[in-house]
């Protein structure tokens, strides 16, 4: 998996996708829930801080690992 970073949820998209803004950058990422997050029914709302693993080949996509 790629680099992990902290981000803030900016928008909830269809099909359980989430748009997040990487802290300290103007970079926006479209991310999906990782299996443990989905399995534990973690609800995300706009403004939540999350830990995101960025995809190594496409820095515009990622996985949400946990809510902080």
C-alpha atoms as a PDB file:
ATOM      1  CA  UNK A   1       0.000   0.000   0.000  1.00  0.00           C
ATOM      2  CA  UNK A   2       1.081   3.591  -0.479  1.00  0.00           C
ATOM      3  CA  UNK A   3       1.814   6.373   1.939  1.00  0.00           C
ATOM      4  CA  UNK A   4      -0.473   7.053   4.883  1.00  0.00           C
ATOM      5  CA  UNK A   5      -1.611  10.566   5.718  1.00  0.00           C
ATOM      6  CA  UNK A   6      -4.192  12.428   7.788  1.00  0.00           C
ATOM      7  CA  UNK A   7      -7.093  14.052   5.947  1.00  0.00           C
ATOM      8  CA  UNK A   8     -10.455  15.739   6.580  1.00  0.00           C
ATOM      9  CA  UNK A   9     -13.736  14.532   5.041  1.00  0.00           C
ATOM     10  CA  UNK A  10     -15.098  17.217   2.689  1.00  0.00           C
ATOM     11  CA  UNK A  11     -17.937  15.401   0.899  1.00  0.00           C
ATOM     12  CA  UNK A  12     -19.865  12.133   1.003  1.00  0.00           C
ATOM     13  CA  UNK A  13     -20.277  10.668  -2.482  1.00  0.00           C
ATOM     14  CA  UNK A  14     -22.509   7.850  -3.788  1.00  0.00           C
ATOM     15  CA  UNK A  15     -21.504   4.179  -3.447  1.00  0.00           C
ATOM     16  CA  UNK A  16     -19.731   4.703  -0.088  1.00  0.00           C
ATOM     17  CA  UNK A  17     -17.061   6.933  -1.617  1.00  0.00           C
ATOM     18  CA  UNK A  18     -15.742   9.879   0.359  1.00  0.00           C
ATOM     19  CA  UNK A  19     -13.876  12.968  -0.809  1.00  0.00           C
ATOM     20  CA  UNK A  20     -11.135  14.032   1.597  1.00  0.00           C
ATOM     21  CA  UNK A  21      -8.679  16.929   1.707  1.00  0.00           C
ATOM     22  CA  UNK A  22      -5.139  16.033   2.750  1.00  0.00           C
ATOM     23  CA  UNK A  23      -4.045  18.216   5.681  1.00  0.00           C
ATOM     24  CA  UNK A  24      -1.290  20.682   4.876  1.00  0.00           C
ATOM     25  CA  UNK A  25      -1.876  20.444   1.106  1.00  0.00           C
ATOM     26  CA  UNK A  26      -4.482  21.464  -1.441  1.00  0.00           C
ATOM     27  CA  UNK A  27      -4.645  17.841  -2.584  1.00  0.00           C
ATOM     28  CA  UNK A  28      -8.115  16.191  -2.762  1.00  0.00           C
ATOM     29  CA  UNK A  29      -8.532  12.420  -2.745  1.00  0.00           C
ATOM     30  CA  UNK A  30     -11.502  10.160  -3.463  1.00  0.00           C
ATOM     31  CA  UNK A  31     -11.377   7.311  -0.939  1.00  0.00           C
ATOM     32  CA  UNK A  32     -13.389   4.236   0.013  1.00  0.00           C
ATOM     33  CA  UNK A  33     -13.763   2.512   3.372  1.00  0.00           C
ATOM     34  CA  UNK A  34     -11.301  -0.227   4.246  1.00  0.00           C
ATOM     35  CA  UNK A  35     -12.896  -3.514   5.381  1.00  0.00           C
ATOM     36  CA  UNK A  36     -12.471  -3.001   9.169  1.00  0.00           C
ATOM     37  CA  UNK A  37     -14.069   0.451   8.935  1.00  0.00           C
ATOM     38  CA  UNK A  38     -17.055  -0.885   6.985  1.00  0.00           C
ATOM     39  CA  UNK A  39     -17.353  -4.005   9.155  1.00  0.00           C
ATOM     40  CA  UNK A  40     -17.680  -1.954  12.355  1.00  0.00           C
ATOM     41  CA  UNK A  41     -20.347   0.357  10.850  1.00  0.00           C
ATOM     42  CA  UNK A  42     -18.281   3.501  11.340  1.00  0.00           C
ATOM     43  CA  UNK A  43     -20.314   6.463  10.074  1.00  0.00           C
ATOM     44  CA  UNK A  44     -18.355   9.320   8.592  1.00  0.00           C
ATOM     45  CA  UNK A  45     -19.636  12.883   8.455  1.00  0.00           C
ATOM     46  CA  UNK A  46     -18.220  15.988   6.819  1.00  0.00           C
ATOM     47  CA  UNK A  47     -15.457  17.419   9.007  1.00  0.00           C
ATOM     48  CA  UNK A  48     -14.200  14.103  10.451  1.00  0.00           C
ATOM     49  CA  UNK A  49     -10.440  13.586  10.565  1.00  0.00           C
ATOM     50  CA  UNK A  50      -9.392  10.241   9.071  1.00  0.00           C
ATOM     51  CA  UNK A  51      -6.199   8.330   8.329  1.00  0.00           C
ATOM     52  CA  UNK A  52      -5.953   7.582   4.604  1.00  0.00           C
ATOM     53  CA  UNK A  53      -3.637   5.228   2.725  1.00  0.00           C
ATOM     54  CA  UNK A  54      -2.963   6.637  -0.746  1.00  0.00           C
ATOM     55  CA  UNK A  55      -2.699   4.298  -3.716  1.00  0.00           C
ATOM     56  CA  UNK A  56       0.901   4.071  -4.959  1.00  0.00           C
ATOM     57  CA  UNK A  57       0.097   4.533  -8.657  1.00  0.00           C
ATOM     58  CA  UNK A  58      -2.782   7.011  -8.384  1.00  0.00           C
ATOM     59  CA  UNK A  59      -2.412   9.650  -5.663  1.00  0.00           C
ATOM     60  CA  UNK A  60      -6.009  10.771  -6.281  1.00  0.00           C
ATOM     61  CA  UNK A  61      -7.433   7.546  -4.797  1.00  0.00           C
ATOM     62  CA  UNK A  62      -7.133   6.019  -1.366  1.00  0.00           C
ATOM     63  CA  UNK A  63      -8.541   3.869   1.445  1.00  0.00           C
ATOM     64  CA  UNK A  64      -9.834   5.160   4.752  1.00  0.00           C
ATOM     65  CA  UNK A  65      -8.120   3.154   7.477  1.00  0.00           C
ATOM     66  CA  UNK A  66      -9.626   4.738  10.594  1.00  0.00           C
ATOM     67  CA  UNK A  67     -11.476   7.738  11.963  1.00  0.00           C
ATOM     68  CA  UNK A  68      -9.388   9.825  14.347  1.00  0.00           C
END
